[in-house]
């Protein structure tokens, strides 16, 4: 394999694109986790409010 035949610019571009995709995926998953935690907290707070559930004594 001849080193002159390798296009280092294309390899560098590919690595940058791959690194960007990995970073975007990690950022998306972290934001998704924060949104899920916030939603669960909101649902817990809403379920603690009176009047949301069935009346006491009824199944």
PDB file of N, CA and C in Angstrom:
ATOM      1  N   UNK A   1       0.852  -1.175   0.000  1.00  0.00           N
ATOM      2  CA  UNK A   1       0.000   0.000   0.000  1.00  0.00           C
ATOM      3  C   UNK A   1       0.896   1.236   0.000  1.00  0.00           C
ATOM      4  N   UNK A   2       0.702   2.052  -0.960  1.00  0.00           N
ATOM      5  CA  UNK A   2       1.519   3.247  -1.116  1.00  0.00           C
ATOM      6  C   UNK A   2       0.908   4.401  -0.319  1.00  0.00           C
ATOM      7  N   UNK A   3       1.744   5.092   0.459  1.00  0.00           N
ATOM      8  CA  UNK A   3       1.229   6.183   1.284  1.00  0.00           C
ATOM      9  C   UNK A   3       0.765   7.359   0.442  1.00  0.00           C
ATOM     10  N   UNK A   4       1.256   7.473  -0.781  1.00  0.00           N
ATOM     11  CA  UNK A   4       0.822   8.560  -1.652  1.00  0.00           C
ATOM     12  C   UNK A   4      -0.615   8.347  -2.121  1.00  0.00           C
ATOM     13  N   UNK A   5      -1.101   7.105  -2.071  1.00  0.00           N
ATOM     14  CA  UNK A   5      -2.446   6.799  -2.540  1.00  0.00           C
ATOM     15  C   UNK A   5      -3.500   7.090  -1.468  1.00  0.00           C
ATOM     16  N   UNK A   6      -3.065   7.319  -0.231  1.00  0.00           N
ATOM     17  CA  UNK A   6      -4.006   7.580   0.847  1.00  0.00           C
ATOM     18  C   UNK A   6      -4.357   9.067   0.856  1.00  0.00           C
ATOM     19  N   UNK A   7      -5.624   9.358   0.833  1.00  0.00           N
ATOM     20  CA  UNK A   7      -6.082  10.749   0.891  1.00  0.00           C
ATOM     21  C   UNK A   7      -6.335  11.102   2.357  1.00  0.00           C
ATOM     22  N   UNK A   8      -5.323  11.701   2.996  1.00  0.00           N
ATOM     23  CA  UNK A   8      -5.397  12.002   4.420  1.00  0.00           C
ATOM     24  C   UNK A   8      -6.463  13.051   4.725  1.00  0.00           C
ATOM     25  N   UNK A   9      -6.739  13.911   3.798  1.00  0.00           N
ATOM     26  CA  UNK A   9      -7.786  14.913   4.001  1.00  0.00           C
ATOM     27  C   UNK A   9      -9.156  14.271   4.135  1.00  0.00           C
ATOM     28  N   UNK A  10      -9.411  13.275   3.286  1.00  0.00           N
ATOM     29  CA  UNK A  10     -10.690  12.569   3.347  1.00  0.00           C
ATOM     30  C   UNK A  10     -10.810  11.776   4.645  1.00  0.00           C
ATOM     31  N   UNK A  11      -9.710  11.194   5.089  1.00  0.00           N
ATOM     32  CA  UNK A  11      -9.720  10.436   6.341  1.00  0.00           C
ATOM     33  C   UNK A  11      -9.977  11.379   7.516  1.00  0.00           C
ATOM     34  N   UNK A  12      -9.315  12.532   7.519  1.00  0.00           N
ATOM     35  CA  UNK A  12      -9.522  13.511   8.585  1.00  0.00           C
ATOM     36  C   UNK A  12     -10.963  14.017   8.596  1.00  0.00           C
ATOM     37  N   UNK A  13     -11.511  14.276   7.419  1.00  0.00           N
ATOM     38  CA  UNK A  13     -12.902  14.712   7.330  1.00  0.00           C
ATOM     39  C   UNK A  13     -13.846  13.640   7.852  1.00  0.00           C
ATOM     40  N   UNK A  14     -13.600  12.392   7.474  1.00  0.00           N
ATOM     41  CA  UNK A  14     -14.429  11.287   7.955  1.00  0.00           C
ATOM     42  C   UNK A  14     -14.364  11.144   9.467  1.00  0.00           C
ATOM     43  N   UNK A  15     -13.168  11.300  10.029  1.00  0.00           N
ATOM     44  CA  UNK A  15     -13.035  11.214  11.481  1.00  0.00           C
ATOM     45  C   UNK A  15     -13.766  12.357  12.178  1.00  0.00           C
ATOM     46  N   UNK A  16     -13.683  13.548  11.611  1.00  0.00           N
ATOM     47  CA  UNK A  16     -14.394  14.686  12.196  1.00  0.00           C
ATOM     48  C   UNK A  16     -15.914  14.492  12.137  1.00  0.00           C
ATOM     49  N   UNK A  17     -16.397  13.988  11.030  1.00  0.00           N
ATOM     50  CA  UNK A  17     -17.827  13.727  10.896  1.00  0.00           C
ATOM     51  C   UNK A  17     -18.268  12.653  11.886  1.00  0.00           C
ATOM     52  N   UNK A  18     -17.482  11.578  12.011  1.00  0.00           N
ATOM     53  CA  UNK A  18     -17.822  10.509  12.952  1.00  0.00           C
ATOM     54  C   UNK A  18     -17.798  11.023  14.391  1.00  0.00           C
ATOM     55  N   UNK A  19     -16.799  11.835  14.734  1.00  0.00           N
ATOM     56  CA  UNK A  19     -16.725  12.393  16.083  1.00  0.00           C
ATOM     57  C   UNK A  19     -17.922  13.309  16.350  1.00  0.00           C
ATOM     58  N   UNK A  20     -18.314  14.078  15.365  1.00  0.00           N
ATOM     59  CA  UNK A  20     -19.483  14.944  15.511  1.00  0.00           C
ATOM     60  C   UNK A  20     -20.763  14.157  15.724  1.00  0.00           C
ATOM     61  N   UNK A  21     -20.911  13.062  15.003  1.00  0.00           N
ATOM     62  CA  UNK A  21     -22.095  12.220  15.172  1.00  0.00           C
ATOM     63  C   UNK A  21     -22.137  11.580  16.557  1.00  0.00           C
ATOM     64  N   UNK A  22     -20.992  11.119  17.043  1.00  0.00           N
ATOM     65  CA  UNK A  22     -20.935  10.529  18.387  1.00  0.00           C
ATOM     66  C   UNK A  22     -21.263  11.588  19.428  1.00  0.00           C
ATOM     67  N   UNK A  23     -20.691  12.785  19.283  1.00  0.00           N
ATOM     68  CA  UNK A  23     -20.969  13.865  20.230  1.00  0.00           C
ATOM     69  C   UNK A  23     -22.458  14.215  20.223  1.00  0.00           C
ATOM     70  N   UNK A  24     -23.057  14.303  19.050  1.00  0.00           N
ATOM     71  CA  UNK A  24     -24.475  14.635  18.937  1.00  0.00           C
ATOM     72  C   UNK A  24     -25.338  13.554  19.583  1.00  0.00           C
ATOM     73  N   UNK A  25     -24.972  12.298  19.398  1.00  0.00           N
ATOM     74  CA  UNK A  25     -25.729  11.204  20.008  1.00  0.00           C
ATOM     75  C   UNK A  25     -25.652  11.267  21.529  1.00  0.00           C
ATOM     76  N   UNK A  26     -24.459  11.511  22.063  1.00  0.00           N
ATOM     77  CA  UNK A  26     -24.293  11.617  23.514  1.00  0.00           C
ATOM     78  C   UNK A  26     -25.088  12.803  24.046  1.00  0.00           C
ATOM     79  N   UNK A  27     -25.009  13.945  23.369  1.00  0.00           N
ATOM     80  CA  UNK A  27     -25.757  15.126  23.790  1.00  0.00           C
ATOM     81  C   UNK A  27     -27.251  14.846  23.770  1.00  0.00           C
ATOM     82  N   UNK A  28     -27.747  14.200  22.729  1.00  0.00           N
ATOM     83  CA  UNK A  28     -29.165  13.877  22.609  1.00  0.00           C
ATOM     84  C   UNK A  28     -29.606  12.955  23.736  1.00  0.00           C
ATOM     85  N   UNK A  29     -28.814  11.929  24.030  1.00  0.00           N
ATOM     86  CA  UNK A  29     -29.193  10.982  25.078  1.00  0.00           C
ATOM     87  C   UNK A  29     -29.173  11.635  26.453  1.00  0.00           C
ATOM     88  N   UNK A  30     -28.201  12.511  26.715  1.00  0.00           N
ATOM     89  CA  UNK A  30     -28.175  13.213  28.003  1.00  0.00           C
ATOM     90  C   UNK A  30     -29.386  14.123  28.154  1.00  0.00           C
ATOM     91  N   UNK A  31     -29.724  14.856  27.105  1.00  0.00           N
ATOM     92  CA  UNK A  31     -30.887  15.746  27.159  1.00  0.00           C
ATOM     93  C   UNK A  31     -32.165  14.936  27.327  1.00  0.00           C
ATOM     94  N   UNK A  32     -32.232  13.804  26.662  1.00  0.00           N
ATOM     95  CA  UNK A  32     -33.395  12.934  26.769  1.00  0.00           C
ATOM     96  C   UNK A  32     -33.542  12.426  28.201  1.00  0.00           C
ATOM     97  N   UNK A  33     -32.432  12.079  28.851  1.00  0.00           N
ATOM     98  CA  UNK A  33     -32.461  11.611  30.237  1.00  0.00           C
ATOM     99  C   UNK A  33     -32.946  12.724  31.161  1.00  0.00           C
ATOM    100  N   UNK A  34     -32.480  13.963  30.945  1.00  0.00           N
ATOM    101  CA  UNK A  34     -32.920  15.089  31.770  1.00  0.00           C
ATOM    102  C   UNK A  34     -34.417  15.340  31.582  1.00  0.00           C
ATOM    103  N   UNK A  35     -34.892  15.250  30.361  1.00  0.00           N
ATOM    104  CA  UNK A  35     -36.311  15.443  30.099  1.00  0.00           C
ATOM    105  C   UNK A  35     -37.140  14.346  30.765  1.00  0.00           C
ATOM    106  N   UNK A  36     -36.651  13.119  30.727  1.00  0.00           N
ATOM    107  CA  UNK A  36     -37.367  12.015  31.362  1.00  0.00           C
ATOM    108  C   UNK A  36     -37.434  12.212  32.870  1.00  0.00           C
ATOM    109  N   UNK A  37     -36.321  12.608  33.486  1.00  0.00           N
ATOM    110  CA  UNK A  37     -36.311  12.851  34.930  1.00  0.00           C
ATOM    111  C   UNK A  37     -37.275  13.978  35.297  1.00  0.00           C
ATOM    112  N   UNK A  38     -37.299  15.032  34.496  1.00  0.00           N
ATOM    113  CA  UNK A  38     -38.201  16.150  34.749  1.00  0.00           C
ATOM    114  C   UNK A  38     -39.658  15.710  34.619  1.00  0.00           C
ATOM    115  N   UNK A  39     -39.959  14.913  33.611  1.00  0.00           N
ATOM    116  CA  UNK A  39     -41.318  14.423  33.410  1.00  0.00           C
ATOM    117  C   UNK A  39     -41.748  13.533  34.567  1.00  0.00           C
ATOM    118  N   UNK A  40     -40.867  12.640  35.004  1.00  0.00           N
ATOM    119  CA  UNK A  40     -41.207  11.763  36.129  1.00  0.00           C
ATOM    120  C   UNK A  40     -41.451  12.572  37.399  1.00  0.00           C
ATOM    121  N   UNK A  41     -40.645  13.612  37.625  1.00  0.00           N
ATOM    122  CA  UNK A  41     -40.826  14.461  38.797  1.00  0.00           C
ATOM    123  C   UNK A  41     -42.175  15.185  38.720  1.00  0.00           C
ATOM    124  N   UNK A  42     -42.517  15.682  37.543  1.00  0.00           N
ATOM    125  CA  UNK A  42     -43.795  16.364  37.365  1.00  0.00           C
ATOM    126  C   UNK A  42     -44.960  15.408  37.590  1.00  0.00           C
ATOM    127  N   UNK A  43     -44.850  14.197  37.077  1.00  0.00           N
ATOM    128  CA  UNK A  43     -45.920  13.215  37.252  1.00  0.00           C
ATOM    129  C   UNK A  43     -46.077  12.831  38.716  1.00  0.00           C
ATOM    130  N   UNK A  44     -44.947  12.685  39.439  1.00  0.00           N
ATOM    131  CA  UNK A  44     -45.034  12.378  40.872  1.00  0.00           C
ATOM    132  C   UNK A  44     -45.695  13.520  41.629  1.00  0.00           C
ATOM    133  N   UNK A  45     -45.338  14.751  41.289  1.00  0.00           N
ATOM    134  CA  UNK A  45     -45.920  15.911  41.961  1.00  0.00           C
ATOM    135  C   UNK A  45     -47.419  16.005  41.664  1.00  0.00           C
ATOM    136  N   UNK A  46     -47.807  15.740  40.426  1.00  0.00           N
ATOM    137  CA  UNK A  46     -49.226  15.794  40.077  1.00  0.00           C
ATOM    138  C   UNK A  46     -50.018  14.669  40.723  1.00  0.00           C
ATOM    139  N   UNK A  47     -49.413  13.515  40.880  1.00  0.00           N
ATOM    140  CA  UNK A  47     -50.144  12.400  41.482  1.00  0.00           C
ATOM    141  C   UNK A  47     -50.314  12.591  42.986  1.00  0.00           C
ATOM    142  N   UNK A  48     -49.487  13.444  43.596  1.00  0.00           N
ATOM    143  CA  UNK A  48     -49.627  13.731  45.021  1.00  0.00           C
ATOM    144  C   UNK A  48     -50.760  14.706  45.300  1.00  0.00           C
ATOM    145  N   UNK A  49     -51.201  15.427  44.294  1.00  0.00           N
ATOM    146  CA  UNK A  49     -52.302  16.381  44.476  1.00  0.00           C
ATOM    147  C   UNK A  49     -53.590  15.624  44.760  1.00  0.00           C
ATOM    148  N   UNK A  50     -54.411  16.188  45.625  1.00  0.00           N
ATOM    149  CA  UNK A  50     -55.697  15.554  45.928  1.00  0.00           C
ATOM    150  C   UNK A  50     -56.667  15.804  44.790  1.00  0.00           C
ATOM    151  N   UNK A  51     -57.561  14.866  44.599  1.00  0.00           N
ATOM    152  CA  UNK A  51     -58.565  15.021  43.560  1.00  0.00           C
ATOM    153  C   UNK A  51     -58.181  14.397  42.231  1.00  0.00           C
ATOM    154  N   UNK A  52     -56.967  13.965  42.080  1.00  0.00           N
ATOM    155  CA  UNK A  52     -56.556  13.354  40.814  1.00  0.00           C
ATOM    156  C   UNK A  52     -56.982  11.903  40.711  1.00  0.00           C
ATOM    157  N   UNK A  53     -57.015  11.227  41.836  1.00  0.00           N
ATOM    158  CA  UNK A  53     -57.319   9.796  41.828  1.00  0.00           C
ATOM    159  C   UNK A  53     -58.775   9.536  42.110  1.00  0.00           C
ATOM    160  N   UNK A  54     -59.147   8.268  42.168  1.00  0.00           N
ATOM    161  CA  UNK A  54     -60.544   7.929  42.494  1.00  0.00           C
ATOM    162  C   UNK A  54     -60.814   8.258  43.949  1.00  0.00           C
ATOM    163  N   UNK A  55     -62.079   8.499  44.292  1.00  0.00           N
ATOM    164  CA  UNK A  55     -62.419   8.794  45.686  1.00  0.00           C
ATOM    165  C   UNK A  55     -62.039   7.650  46.608  1.00  0.00           C
ATOM    166  N   UNK A  56     -61.708   7.986  47.831  1.00  0.00           N
ATOM    167  CA  UNK A  56     -61.300   6.962  48.818  1.00  0.00           C
ATOM    168  C   UNK A  56     -62.485   6.034  49.090  1.00  0.00           C
ATOM    169  N   UNK A  57     -62.181   4.755  49.218  1.00  0.00           N
ATOM    170  CA  UNK A  57     -63.209   3.768  49.500  1.00  0.00           C
ATOM    171  C   UNK A  57     -63.801   3.136  48.247  1.00  0.00           C
ATOM    172  N   UNK A  58     -63.498   3.656  47.089  1.00  0.00           N
ATOM    173  CA  UNK A  58     -63.992   3.054  45.846  1.00  0.00           C
ATOM    174  C   UNK A  58     -62.836   2.423  45.108  1.00  0.00           C
ATOM    175  N   UNK A  59     -63.049   1.235  44.526  1.00  0.00           N
ATOM    176  CA  UNK A  59     -61.960   0.555  43.804  1.00  0.00           C
ATOM    177  C   UNK A  59     -61.614   1.207  42.512  1.00  0.00           C
TER     178      UNK A  59
END
